[in-house]
Amino acid sequence: MIANLIALFALQAAPLVAEKPIIVPGGAGHFDFMNIDTKNNLVMACHPGKSSIAVLDMSTGKAQDIPVGTEVNGVCADSADQMIYAAGPGKKLVALNSKTMQVTGSLPLDGPGDCVQFDRKRGVVYIDNDDGTNLWIVDAKTLKLTGTVAIKEAPEYMEYDNGKGLIFQAIKSTSTVQVIDCDAKKVTGEYTLGALTSPHGLALDRKTRRLFVVGKNGKLAILDADGGKLLSTIDVVTGSDQIAYDRGNQRVYIPAGGVIQVIQIAGDDGKVLGSVPVGKDCHRVTVNQTTHDVYVAFSEGTDSFFQRFTAN
């Protein structure tokens, strides 16, 4: 009886509850950035080790591994037009129909892509040049290059702020976040990050105007998104590549070191709520803002997996 009560308490106290991992067909392979299309019930995970995109149907729990003929690191969705865009080391942007999962077009790039974001208002896709000094702007309908933005060297994750028409771009080489005006197509600001180095994970609370940045050195910086003021810094796990922010629960999820660390945000600060175990290969994460479910992708042994966690 006591053992059962202890187990029940531990389950109730955990900030996330793990569900059984879902095998991605095709075997093991390194993953990179993830993204989610809540309108079409899809979770997408770049699978550069397989030159594919792993896709999970959230409504059925079925996983597919979609070959795209090139390595991709970043992925995003145009949910209204049922399109998926991805780019990566293969120096190519590819477009897929999210219903048929067929490649509908591609655009050669003069460098390796990394993070990819879609801007519905302007009808364009943004791709940053992995370890380069520019961001490409591509017409989503025609897949034609329409412009570039000069940035500092070695970009990582970027967040598109549709309400303000801005992009927040993490820069590894300078340990800063650059602010890009999407209409002016140029950098208009740069935020310093204090003790944080090598920023990788980045997320935005559009309501409270708080920007969350995680460095490889195990620091989470919380900034004023509109002015760049550093509000607080929290010690977190080291080595994360991508983080996710749940607006409803006001939580930051940080996967690294065999766990997903959960940070509860309160105003300008936050605290570590707890951690839950996950595959050691897991460094990327995304969250369903409607259901608050958290999704990760990782390889272990001879297989690749998606895994869902429900918020407690």
C-alpha atoms as a PDB file:
ATOM      1  CA  MET A   1       0.000   0.000   0.000  1.00  0.00           C
ATOM      2  CA  ILE A   2       2.769   2.465   0.955  1.00  0.00           C
ATOM      3  CA  ALA A   3       4.694   1.642  -2.225  1.00  0.00           C
ATOM      4  CA  ASN A   4       1.568   2.249  -4.318  1.00  0.00           C
ATOM      5  CA  LEU A   5       0.965   5.600  -2.610  1.00  0.00           C
ATOM      6  CA  ILE A   6       4.572   6.663  -3.220  1.00  0.00           C
ATOM      7  CA  ALA A   7       4.292   5.701  -6.910  1.00  0.00           C
ATOM      8  CA  LEU A   8       0.983   7.591  -7.206  1.00  0.00           C
ATOM      9  CA  PHE A   9       2.482  10.686  -5.574  1.00  0.00           C
ATOM     10  CA  ALA A  10       5.496  10.570  -7.905  1.00  0.00           C
ATOM     11  CA  LEU A  11       3.177  10.337 -10.930  1.00  0.00           C
ATOM     12  CA  GLN A  12       1.058  13.244  -9.722  1.00  0.00           C
ATOM     13  CA  ALA A  13       4.126  15.351  -8.920  1.00  0.00           C
ATOM     14  CA  ALA A  14       5.814  14.856 -12.295  1.00  0.00           C
ATOM     15  CA  PRO A  15       5.354  17.919 -14.531  1.00  0.00           C
ATOM     16  CA  LEU A  16       4.986  15.646 -17.583  1.00  0.00           C
ATOM     17  CA  VAL A  17       3.650  12.114 -18.002  1.00  0.00           C
ATOM     18  CA  ALA A  18       5.324  10.019 -20.715  1.00  0.00           C
ATOM     19  CA  GLU A  19       3.383   7.915 -23.198  1.00  0.00           C
ATOM     20  CA  LYS A  20       4.789   4.890 -24.994  1.00  0.00           C
ATOM     21  CA  PRO A  21       7.288   5.864 -27.738  1.00  0.00           C
ATOM     22  CA  ILE A  22       6.046   5.467 -31.309  1.00  0.00           C
ATOM     23  CA  ILE A  23       8.447   3.825 -33.760  1.00  0.00           C
ATOM     24  CA  VAL A  24       9.272   5.809 -36.897  1.00  0.00           C
ATOM     25  CA  PRO A  25       9.648   3.350 -39.811  1.00  0.00           C
ATOM     26  CA  GLY A  26      13.046   3.117 -41.489  1.00  0.00           C
ATOM     27  CA  GLY A  27      15.463   2.631 -38.623  1.00  0.00           C
ATOM     28  CA  ALA A  28      17.778   4.855 -36.632  1.00  0.00           C
ATOM     29  CA  GLY A  29      18.865   8.280 -37.827  1.00  0.00           C
ATOM     30  CA  HIS A  30      19.906  11.615 -36.338  1.00  0.00           C
ATOM     31  CA  PHE A  31      17.098  14.171 -35.809  1.00  0.00           C
ATOM     32  CA  ASP A  32      17.149  17.961 -35.989  1.00  0.00           C
ATOM     33  CA  PHE A  33      14.520  20.702 -35.554  1.00  0.00           C
ATOM     34  CA  MET A  34      10.866  19.867 -34.981  1.00  0.00           C
ATOM     35  CA  ASN A  35       7.678  21.819 -35.639  1.00  0.00           C
ATOM     36  CA  ILE A  36       3.931  21.326 -35.334  1.00  0.00           C
ATOM     37  CA  ASP A  37       0.851  21.927 -37.496  1.00  0.00           C
ATOM     38  CA  THR A  38      -2.067  21.868 -35.068  1.00  0.00           C
ATOM     39  CA  LYS A  39      -4.675  22.598 -37.755  1.00  0.00           C
ATOM     40  CA  ASN A  40      -3.735  19.449 -39.694  1.00  0.00           C
ATOM     41  CA  ASN A  41      -2.755  17.411 -36.589  1.00  0.00           C
ATOM     42  CA  LEU A  42       0.860  16.906 -37.665  1.00  0.00           C
ATOM     43  CA  VAL A  43       4.155  16.829 -35.798  1.00  0.00           C
ATOM     44  CA  MET A  44       7.196  17.124 -38.063  1.00  0.00           C
ATOM     45  CA  ALA A  45      10.787  16.241 -37.227  1.00  0.00           C
ATOM     46  CA  CYS A  46      13.732  16.714 -39.570  1.00  0.00           C
ATOM     47  CA  HIS A  47      15.581  13.446 -40.090  1.00  0.00           C
ATOM     48  CA  PRO A  48      18.810  14.477 -41.847  1.00  0.00           C
ATOM     49  CA  GLY A  49      20.407  11.124 -41.121  1.00  0.00           C
ATOM     50  CA  LYS A  50      17.765   9.578 -43.398  1.00  0.00           C
ATOM     51  CA  SER A  51      17.301  12.480 -45.897  1.00  0.00           C
ATOM     52  CA  SER A  52      13.683  12.542 -44.797  1.00  0.00           C
ATOM     53  CA  ILE A  53      11.069  14.223 -42.622  1.00  0.00           C
ATOM     54  CA  ALA A  54       9.443  12.120 -39.913  1.00  0.00           C
ATOM     55  CA  VAL A  55       5.753  12.970 -39.571  1.00  0.00           C
ATOM     56  CA  LEU A  56       3.371  11.980 -36.779  1.00  0.00           C
ATOM     57  CA  ASP A  57      -0.402  12.208 -37.162  1.00  0.00           C
ATOM     58  CA  MET A  58      -1.520  13.380 -33.705  1.00  0.00           C
ATOM     59  CA  SER A  59      -5.095  12.165 -34.276  1.00  0.00           C
ATOM     60  CA  THR A  60      -4.151   8.561 -35.135  1.00  0.00           C
ATOM     61  CA  GLY A  61      -0.716   8.149 -33.564  1.00  0.00           C
ATOM     62  CA  LYS A  62       0.664   6.895 -36.888  1.00  0.00           C
ATOM     63  CA  ALA A  63       4.246   7.838 -37.804  1.00  0.00           C
ATOM     64  CA  GLN A  64       5.744   8.041 -41.299  1.00  0.00           C
ATOM     65  CA  ASP A  65       9.233   8.762 -42.581  1.00  0.00           C
ATOM     66  CA  ILE A  66       8.877  10.816 -45.770  1.00  0.00           C
ATOM     67  CA  PRO A  67      11.909  10.785 -48.121  1.00  0.00           C
ATOM     68  CA  VAL A  68      12.685  14.219 -49.560  1.00  0.00           C
ATOM     69  CA  GLY A  69      15.885  13.410 -51.452  1.00  0.00           C
ATOM     70  CA  THR A  70      18.092  15.756 -49.424  1.00  0.00           C
ATOM     71  CA  GLU A  71      19.233  16.300 -45.837  1.00  0.00           C
ATOM     72  CA  VAL A  72      17.032  18.797 -43.968  1.00  0.00           C
ATOM     73  CA  ASN A  73      17.575  20.490 -40.601  1.00  0.00           C
ATOM     74  CA  GLY A  74      14.620  22.880 -40.362  1.00  0.00           C
ATOM     75  CA  VAL A  75      10.916  22.477 -41.129  1.00  0.00           C
ATOM     76  CA  CYS A  76       7.753  24.576 -40.982  1.00  0.00           C
ATOM     77  CA  ALA A  77       4.150  24.334 -42.152  1.00  0.00           C
ATOM     78  CA  ASP A  78       1.728  26.507 -44.056  1.00  0.00           C
ATOM     79  CA  SER A  79      -1.330  24.935 -42.433  1.00  0.00           C
ATOM     80  CA  ALA A  80      -3.919  26.843 -44.489  1.00  0.00           C
ATOM     81  CA  ASP A  81      -2.520  25.725 -47.843  1.00  0.00           C
ATOM     82  CA  GLN A  82      -1.430  22.317 -46.490  1.00  0.00           C
ATOM     83  CA  MET A  83       2.224  22.724 -47.332  1.00  0.00           C
ATOM     84  CA  ILE A  84       5.459  21.787 -45.578  1.00  0.00           C
ATOM     85  CA  TYR A  85       8.785  23.511 -46.228  1.00  0.00           C
ATOM     86  CA  ALA A  86      12.193  22.153 -45.201  1.00  0.00           C
ATOM     87  CA  ALA A  87      15.876  22.911 -45.832  1.00  0.00           C
ATOM     88  CA  GLY A  88      19.255  21.783 -44.572  1.00  0.00           C
ATOM     89  CA  PRO A  89      22.783  20.574 -45.389  1.00  0.00           C
ATOM     90  CA  GLY A  90      21.655  19.463 -48.844  1.00  0.00           C
ATOM     91  CA  LYS A  91      21.636  23.164 -49.885  1.00  0.00           C
ATOM     92  CA  LYS A  92      18.058  22.962 -51.061  1.00  0.00           C
ATOM     93  CA  LEU A  93      14.610  24.130 -49.980  1.00  0.00           C
ATOM     94  CA  VAL A  94      11.950  21.480 -50.586  1.00  0.00           C
ATOM     95  CA  ALA A  95       8.159  21.856 -50.555  1.00  0.00           C
ATOM     96  CA  LEU A  96       5.718  19.039 -49.787  1.00  0.00           C
ATOM     97  CA  ASN A  97       1.954  18.739 -49.805  1.00  0.00           C
ATOM     98  CA  SER A  98       0.997  17.764 -46.249  1.00  0.00           C
ATOM     99  CA  LYS A  99      -1.974  15.678 -47.395  1.00  0.00           C
ATOM    100  CA  THR A 100      -0.234  13.579 -50.050  1.00  0.00           C
ATOM    101  CA  MET A 101       3.265  13.875 -48.532  1.00  0.00           C
ATOM    102  CA  GLN A 102       4.627  14.297 -52.051  1.00  0.00           C
ATOM    103  CA  VAL A 103       7.443  16.732 -52.900  1.00  0.00           C
ATOM    104  CA  THR A 104       5.932  19.454 -55.100  1.00  0.00           C
ATOM    105  CA  GLY A 105       9.014  21.575 -55.774  1.00  0.00           C
ATOM    106  CA  SER A 106      12.472  22.665 -54.662  1.00  0.00           C
ATOM    107  CA  LEU A 107      14.921  25.558 -54.816  1.00  0.00           C
ATOM    108  CA  PRO A 108      18.728  25.232 -54.787  1.00  0.00           C
ATOM    109  CA  LEU A 109      20.430  27.388 -52.154  1.00  0.00           C
ATOM    110  CA  ASP A 110      24.020  28.650 -52.222  1.00  0.00           C
ATOM    111  CA  GLY A 111      24.666  27.281 -48.751  1.00  0.00           C
ATOM    112  CA  PRO A 112      23.335  24.843 -46.140  1.00  0.00           C
ATOM    113  CA  GLY A 113      20.006  25.782 -44.589  1.00  0.00           C
ATOM    114  CA  ASP A 114      19.210  25.407 -40.905  1.00  0.00           C
ATOM    115  CA  CYS A 115      16.081  26.853 -39.276  1.00  0.00           C
ATOM    116  CA  VAL A 116      12.998  27.435 -41.481  1.00  0.00           C
ATOM    117  CA  GLN A 117       9.960  29.637 -40.736  1.00  0.00           C
ATOM    118  CA  PHE A 118       6.817  30.562 -42.709  1.00  0.00           C
ATOM    119  CA  ASP A 119       5.335  34.073 -42.906  1.00  0.00           C
ATOM    120  CA  ARG A 120       1.704  33.921 -44.074  1.00  0.00           C
ATOM    121  CA  LYS A 121       1.213  37.693 -44.176  1.00  0.00           C
ATOM    122  CA  ARG A 122       4.051  38.165 -46.662  1.00  0.00           C
ATOM    123  CA  GLY A 123       3.716  34.748 -48.319  1.00  0.00           C
ATOM    124  CA  VAL A 124       7.370  33.876 -47.827  1.00  0.00           C
ATOM    125  CA  VAL A 125       9.617  31.262 -46.251  1.00  0.00           C
ATOM    126  CA  TYR A 126      12.686  32.295 -44.246  1.00  0.00           C
ATOM    127  CA  ILE A 127      15.767  30.035 -44.133  1.00  0.00           C
ATOM    128  CA  ASP A 128      18.919  30.916 -42.226  1.00  0.00           C
ATOM    129  CA  ASN A 129      22.304  29.941 -43.631  1.00  0.00           C
ATOM    130  CA  ASP A 130      23.818  27.421 -41.217  1.00  0.00           C
ATOM    131  CA  ASP A 131      27.123  28.914 -39.980  1.00  0.00           C
ATOM    132  CA  GLY A 132      26.850  31.569 -42.708  1.00  0.00           C
ATOM    133  CA  THR A 133      26.034  35.292 -42.615  1.00  0.00           C
ATOM    134  CA  ASN A 134      22.667  35.573 -44.325  1.00  0.00           C
ATOM    135  CA  LEU A 135      19.018  34.637 -44.237  1.00  0.00           C
ATOM    136  CA  TRP A 136      17.177  33.730 -47.460  1.00  0.00           C
ATOM    137  CA  ILE A 137      13.657  34.946 -48.267  1.00  0.00           C
ATOM    138  CA  VAL A 138      11.719  32.719 -50.687  1.00  0.00           C
ATOM    139  CA  ASP A 139       8.286  33.182 -52.245  1.00  0.00           C
ATOM    140  CA  ALA A 140       6.236  30.266 -50.885  1.00  0.00           C
ATOM    141  CA  LYS A 141       4.084  29.859 -54.014  1.00  0.00           C
ATOM    142  CA  THR A 142       6.751  30.094 -56.710  1.00  0.00           C
ATOM    143  CA  LEU A 143       9.788  28.926 -54.706  1.00  0.00           C
ATOM    144  CA  LYS A 144      11.732  31.861 -56.125  1.00  0.00           C
ATOM    145  CA  LEU A 145      14.353  33.719 -54.106  1.00  0.00           C
ATOM    146  CA  THR A 146      13.050  37.243 -53.408  1.00  0.00           C
ATOM    147  CA  GLY A 147      15.744  38.615 -51.129  1.00  0.00           C
ATOM    148  CA  THR A 148      18.333  38.079 -48.421  1.00  0.00           C
ATOM    149  CA  VAL A 149      19.107  39.623 -45.043  1.00  0.00           C
ATOM    150  CA  ALA A 150      22.684  40.124 -43.858  1.00  0.00           C
ATOM    151  CA  ILE A 151      23.169  38.735 -40.346  1.00  0.00           C
ATOM    152  CA  LYS A 152      26.114  37.856 -38.144  1.00  0.00           C
ATOM    153  CA  GLU A 153      27.869  34.541 -38.555  1.00  0.00           C
ATOM    154  CA  ALA A 154      26.541  31.179 -37.347  1.00  0.00           C
ATOM    155  CA  PRO A 155      22.781  31.506 -36.855  1.00  0.00           C
ATOM    156  CA  GLU A 156      20.801  28.904 -34.920  1.00  0.00           C
ATOM    157  CA  TYR A 157      17.089  28.850 -34.153  1.00  0.00           C
ATOM    158  CA  MET A 158      14.901  31.765 -35.228  1.00  0.00           C
ATOM    159  CA  GLU A 159      11.402  32.710 -34.083  1.00  0.00           C
ATOM    160  CA  TYR A 160       8.922  34.529 -36.325  1.00  0.00           C
ATOM    161  CA  ASP A 161       6.755  37.108 -34.533  1.00  0.00           C
ATOM    162  CA  ASN A 162       3.729  37.475 -36.802  1.00  0.00           C
ATOM    163  CA  GLY A 163       2.100  40.233 -34.731  1.00  0.00           C
ATOM    164  CA  LYS A 164       5.084  42.570 -34.933  1.00  0.00           C
ATOM    165  CA  GLY A 165       6.517  41.451 -38.266  1.00  0.00           C
ATOM    166  CA  LEU A 166       9.849  40.538 -36.710  1.00  0.00           C
ATOM    167  CA  ILE A 167      12.272  37.627 -36.644  1.00  0.00           C
ATOM    168  CA  PHE A 168      14.366  36.917 -33.557  1.00  0.00           C
ATOM    169  CA  GLN A 169      17.535  35.147 -34.709  1.00  0.00           C
ATOM    170  CA  ALA A 170      19.927  33.433 -32.284  1.00  0.00           C
ATOM    171  CA  ILE A 171      23.588  33.964 -33.252  1.00  0.00           C
ATOM    172  CA  LYS A 172      26.181  31.519 -31.884  1.00  0.00           C
ATOM    173  CA  SER A 173      29.334  33.420 -32.839  1.00  0.00           C
ATOM    174  CA  THR A 174      28.463  36.537 -30.816  1.00  0.00           C
ATOM    175  CA  SER A 175      26.108  34.992 -28.222  1.00  0.00           C
ATOM    176  CA  THR A 176      23.397  37.485 -29.144  1.00  0.00           C
ATOM    177  CA  VAL A 177      19.896  37.605 -30.623  1.00  0.00           C
ATOM    178  CA  GLN A 178      19.469  39.749 -33.711  1.00  0.00           C
ATOM    179  CA  VAL A 179      16.103  41.391 -34.467  1.00  0.00           C
ATOM    180  CA  ILE A 180      15.082  41.432 -38.131  1.00  0.00           C
ATOM    181  CA  ASP A 181      12.334  43.697 -39.524  1.00  0.00           C
ATOM    182  CA  CYS A 182      10.463  41.574 -42.086  1.00  0.00           C
ATOM    183  CA  ASP A 183       9.259  44.574 -44.108  1.00  0.00           C
ATOM    184  CA  ALA A 184      12.583  46.410 -44.134  1.00  0.00           C
ATOM    185  CA  LYS A 185      14.447  43.106 -44.660  1.00  0.00           C
ATOM    186  CA  LYS A 186      17.268  44.138 -42.378  1.00  0.00           C
ATOM    187  CA  VAL A 187      18.577  43.768 -38.839  1.00  0.00           C
ATOM    188  CA  THR A 188      17.215  46.569 -36.665  1.00  0.00           C
ATOM    189  CA  GLY A 189      18.407  45.468 -33.227  1.00  0.00           C
ATOM    190  CA  GLU A 190      20.686  43.135 -31.304  1.00  0.00           C
ATOM    191  CA  TYR A 191      20.202  41.773 -27.779  1.00  0.00           C
ATOM    192  CA  THR A 192      23.035  40.682 -25.497  1.00  0.00           C
ATOM    193  CA  LEU A 193      22.519  37.633 -23.282  1.00  0.00           C
ATOM    194  CA  GLY A 194      24.697  38.114 -20.210  1.00  0.00           C
ATOM    195  CA  ALA A 195      26.331  34.879 -19.026  1.00  0.00           C
ATOM    196  CA  LEU A 196      24.611  32.821 -21.733  1.00  0.00           C
ATOM    197  CA  THR A 197      26.909  31.536 -24.497  1.00  0.00           C
ATOM    198  CA  SER A 198      26.220  29.792 -27.806  1.00  0.00           C
ATOM    199  CA  PRO A 199      22.451  30.447 -27.955  1.00  0.00           C
ATOM    200  CA  HIS A 200      20.525  27.631 -29.606  1.00  0.00           C
ATOM    201  CA  GLY A 201      16.990  27.251 -28.271  1.00  0.00           C
ATOM    202  CA  LEU A 202      14.686  30.254 -28.579  1.00  0.00           C
ATOM    203  CA  ALA A 203      10.962  30.831 -27.934  1.00  0.00           C
ATOM    204  CA  LEU A 204       8.604  33.801 -27.650  1.00  0.00           C
ATOM    205  CA  ASP A 205       5.567  34.594 -25.504  1.00  0.00           C
ATOM    206  CA  ARG A 206       3.715  36.960 -27.823  1.00  0.00           C
ATOM    207  CA  LYS A 207       1.244  38.001 -25.105  1.00  0.00           C
ATOM    208  CA  THR A 208       3.670  38.972 -22.340  1.00  0.00           C
ATOM    209  CA  ARG A 209       6.416  39.945 -24.819  1.00  0.00           C
ATOM    210  CA  ARG A 210       8.983  37.727 -23.156  1.00  0.00           C
ATOM    211  CA  LEU A 211      11.790  36.096 -25.139  1.00  0.00           C
ATOM    212  CA  PHE A 212      13.341  32.873 -23.842  1.00  0.00           C
ATOM    213  CA  VAL A 213      16.850  31.884 -24.992  1.00  0.00           C
ATOM    214  CA  VAL A 214      18.844  28.806 -23.955  1.00  0.00           C
ATOM    215  CA  GLY A 215      22.610  28.530 -24.367  1.00  0.00           C
ATOM    216  CA  LYS A 216      24.714  25.430 -24.758  1.00  0.00           C
ATOM    217  CA  ASN A 217      26.403  26.364 -21.477  1.00  0.00           C
ATOM    218  CA  GLY A 218      23.231  25.683 -19.480  1.00  0.00           C
ATOM    219  CA  LYS A 219      21.765  29.166 -19.068  1.00  0.00           C
ATOM    220  CA  LEU A 220      18.196  30.284 -19.768  1.00  0.00           C
ATOM    221  CA  ALA A 221      17.876  34.033 -20.372  1.00  0.00           C
ATOM    222  CA  ILE A 222      14.513  35.791 -20.141  1.00  0.00           C
ATOM    223  CA  LEU A 223      14.391  39.086 -22.038  1.00  0.00           C
ATOM    224  CA  ASP A 224      11.952  41.848 -22.834  1.00  0.00           C
ATOM    225  CA  ALA A 225      11.227  41.038 -26.484  1.00  0.00           C
ATOM    226  CA  ASP A 226      10.564  44.665 -27.405  1.00  0.00           C
ATOM    227  CA  GLY A 227      13.653  46.254 -25.895  1.00  0.00           C
ATOM    228  CA  GLY A 228      16.083  43.424 -25.250  1.00  0.00           C
ATOM    229  CA  LYS A 229      16.474  44.095 -21.519  1.00  0.00           C
ATOM    230  CA  LEU A 230      17.817  41.006 -19.730  1.00  0.00           C
ATOM    231  CA  LEU A 231      15.258  40.299 -17.009  1.00  0.00           C
ATOM    232  CA  SER A 232      16.653  37.136 -15.407  1.00  0.00           C
ATOM    233  CA  THR A 233      18.991  34.186 -15.950  1.00  0.00           C
ATOM    234  CA  ILE A 234      18.344  30.628 -14.756  1.00  0.00           C
ATOM    235  CA  ASP A 235      20.700  27.646 -14.564  1.00  0.00           C
ATOM    236  CA  VAL A 236      19.354  24.794 -16.718  1.00  0.00           C
ATOM    237  CA  VAL A 237      20.558  21.600 -18.418  1.00  0.00           C
ATOM    238  CA  THR A 238      23.427  21.925 -20.902  1.00  0.00           C
ATOM    239  CA  GLY A 239      23.440  20.925 -24.554  1.00  0.00           C
ATOM    240  CA  SER A 240      19.883  21.638 -25.756  1.00  0.00           C
ATOM    241  CA  ASP A 241      19.351  22.541 -29.420  1.00  0.00           C
ATOM    242  CA  GLN A 242      15.662  23.488 -29.442  1.00  0.00           C
ATOM    243  CA  ILE A 243      13.219  24.515 -26.725  1.00  0.00           C
ATOM    244  CA  ALA A 244       9.447  24.951 -26.673  1.00  0.00           C
ATOM    245  CA  TYR A 245       7.172  27.324 -24.768  1.00  0.00           C
ATOM    246  CA  ASP A 246       3.627  26.439 -23.705  1.00  0.00           C
ATOM    247  CA  ARG A 247       1.736  29.739 -23.538  1.00  0.00           C
ATOM    248  CA  GLY A 248      -1.226  28.340 -21.602  1.00  0.00           C
ATOM    249  CA  ASN A 249       0.806  26.679 -18.860  1.00  0.00           C
ATOM    250  CA  GLN A 250       3.628  29.254 -19.065  1.00  0.00           C
ATOM    251  CA  ARG A 251       6.285  26.568 -19.205  1.00  0.00           C
ATOM    252  CA  VAL A 252       9.567  26.301 -21.070  1.00  0.00           C
ATOM    253  CA  TYR A 253      10.586  22.757 -22.065  1.00  0.00           C
ATOM    254  CA  ILE A 254      14.318  22.086 -22.454  1.00  0.00           C
ATOM    255  CA  PRO A 255      15.441  18.636 -23.736  1.00  0.00           C
ATOM    256  CA  ALA A 256      19.079  17.590 -23.128  1.00  0.00           C
ATOM    257  CA  GLY A 257      21.150  15.087 -21.208  1.00  0.00           C
ATOM    258  CA  GLY A 258      18.499  12.369 -21.224  1.00  0.00           C
ATOM    259  CA  VAL A 259      15.737  14.541 -19.709  1.00  0.00           C
ATOM    260  CA  ILE A 260      13.153  17.163 -20.561  1.00  0.00           C
ATOM    261  CA  GLN A 261      13.598  19.920 -18.005  1.00  0.00           C
ATOM    262  CA  VAL A 262      10.469  21.918 -17.207  1.00  0.00           C
ATOM    263  CA  ILE A 263      10.775  25.599 -16.265  1.00  0.00           C
ATOM    264  CA  GLN A 264       7.743  27.364 -14.795  1.00  0.00           C
ATOM    265  CA  ILE A 265       7.659  31.012 -15.841  1.00  0.00           C
ATOM    266  CA  ALA A 266       6.239  33.676 -13.529  1.00  0.00           C
ATOM    267  CA  GLY A 267       6.491  37.230 -14.786  1.00  0.00           C
ATOM    268  CA  ASP A 268      10.122  38.134 -15.417  1.00  0.00           C
ATOM    269  CA  ASP A 269      11.550  35.035 -13.741  1.00  0.00           C
ATOM    270  CA  GLY A 270      11.213  31.274 -13.638  1.00  0.00           C
ATOM    271  CA  LYS A 271      12.089  28.203 -11.633  1.00  0.00           C
ATOM    272  CA  VAL A 272      12.910  24.581 -12.387  1.00  0.00           C
ATOM    273  CA  LEU A 273       9.676  22.632 -11.871  1.00  0.00           C
ATOM    274  CA  GLY A 274      11.263  19.236 -12.479  1.00  0.00           C
ATOM    275  CA  SER A 275      12.590  16.877 -15.140  1.00  0.00           C
ATOM    276  CA  VAL A 276      11.356  13.710 -16.818  1.00  0.00           C
ATOM    277  CA  PRO A 277      13.563  11.094 -18.520  1.00  0.00           C
ATOM    278  CA  VAL A 278      13.738  10.835 -22.297  1.00  0.00           C
ATOM    279  CA  GLY A 279      16.054   9.234 -24.870  1.00  0.00           C
ATOM    280  CA  LYS A 280      19.650  10.477 -24.555  1.00  0.00           C
ATOM    281  CA  ASP A 281      19.644  11.469 -28.243  1.00  0.00           C
ATOM    282  CA  CYS A 282      16.750  13.895 -27.640  1.00  0.00           C
ATOM    283  CA  HIS A 283      17.709  17.578 -28.016  1.00  0.00           C
ATOM    284  CA  ARG A 284      14.611  18.940 -29.816  1.00  0.00           C
ATOM    285  CA  VAL A 285      11.015  19.482 -28.775  1.00  0.00           C
ATOM    286  CA  THR A 286       7.707  21.025 -29.826  1.00  0.00           C
ATOM    287  CA  VAL A 287       4.405  21.633 -28.019  1.00  0.00           C
ATOM    288  CA  ASN A 288       0.734  21.591 -29.025  1.00  0.00           C
ATOM    289  CA  GLN A 289      -0.604  24.926 -27.785  1.00  0.00           C
ATOM    290  CA  THR A 290      -4.181  23.596 -27.788  1.00  0.00           C
ATOM    291  CA  THR A 291      -3.766  20.329 -25.878  1.00  0.00           C
ATOM    292  CA  HIS A 292      -0.483  21.277 -24.100  1.00  0.00           C
ATOM    293  CA  ASP A 293       1.001  17.917 -25.155  1.00  0.00           C
ATOM    294  CA  VAL A 294       4.766  17.880 -25.618  1.00  0.00           C
ATOM    295  CA  TYR A 295       6.428  15.933 -28.449  1.00  0.00           C
ATOM    296  CA  VAL A 296      10.030  14.844 -28.938  1.00  0.00           C
ATOM    297  CA  ALA A 297      11.886  12.739 -31.519  1.00  0.00           C
ATOM    298  CA  PHE A 298      15.017  10.681 -30.948  1.00  0.00           C
ATOM    299  CA  SER A 299      17.020   7.641 -32.078  1.00  0.00           C
ATOM    300  CA  GLU A 300      17.945   4.773 -29.808  1.00  0.00           C
ATOM    301  CA  GLY A 301      19.580   1.507 -30.790  1.00  0.00           C
ATOM    302  CA  THR A 302      18.362   0.487 -34.235  1.00  0.00           C
ATOM    303  CA  ASP A 303      15.165   2.576 -34.228  1.00  0.00           C
ATOM    304  CA  SER A 304      13.846   6.123 -34.304  1.00  0.00           C
ATOM    305  CA  PHE A 305      10.916   7.332 -32.217  1.00  0.00           C
ATOM    306  CA  PHE A 306       8.355  10.011 -31.555  1.00  0.00           C
ATOM    307  CA  GLN A 307       7.176  10.331 -27.974  1.00  0.00           C
ATOM    308  CA  ARG A 308       4.298  12.304 -26.507  1.00  0.00           C
ATOM    309  CA  PHE A 309       4.183  13.710 -22.973  1.00  0.00           C
ATOM    310  CA  THR A 310       1.016  15.048 -21.370  1.00  0.00           C
ATOM    311  CA  ALA A 311       1.247  18.026 -19.047  1.00  0.00           C
ATOM    312  CA  ASN A 312       0.479  17.487 -15.374  1.00  0.00           C
END
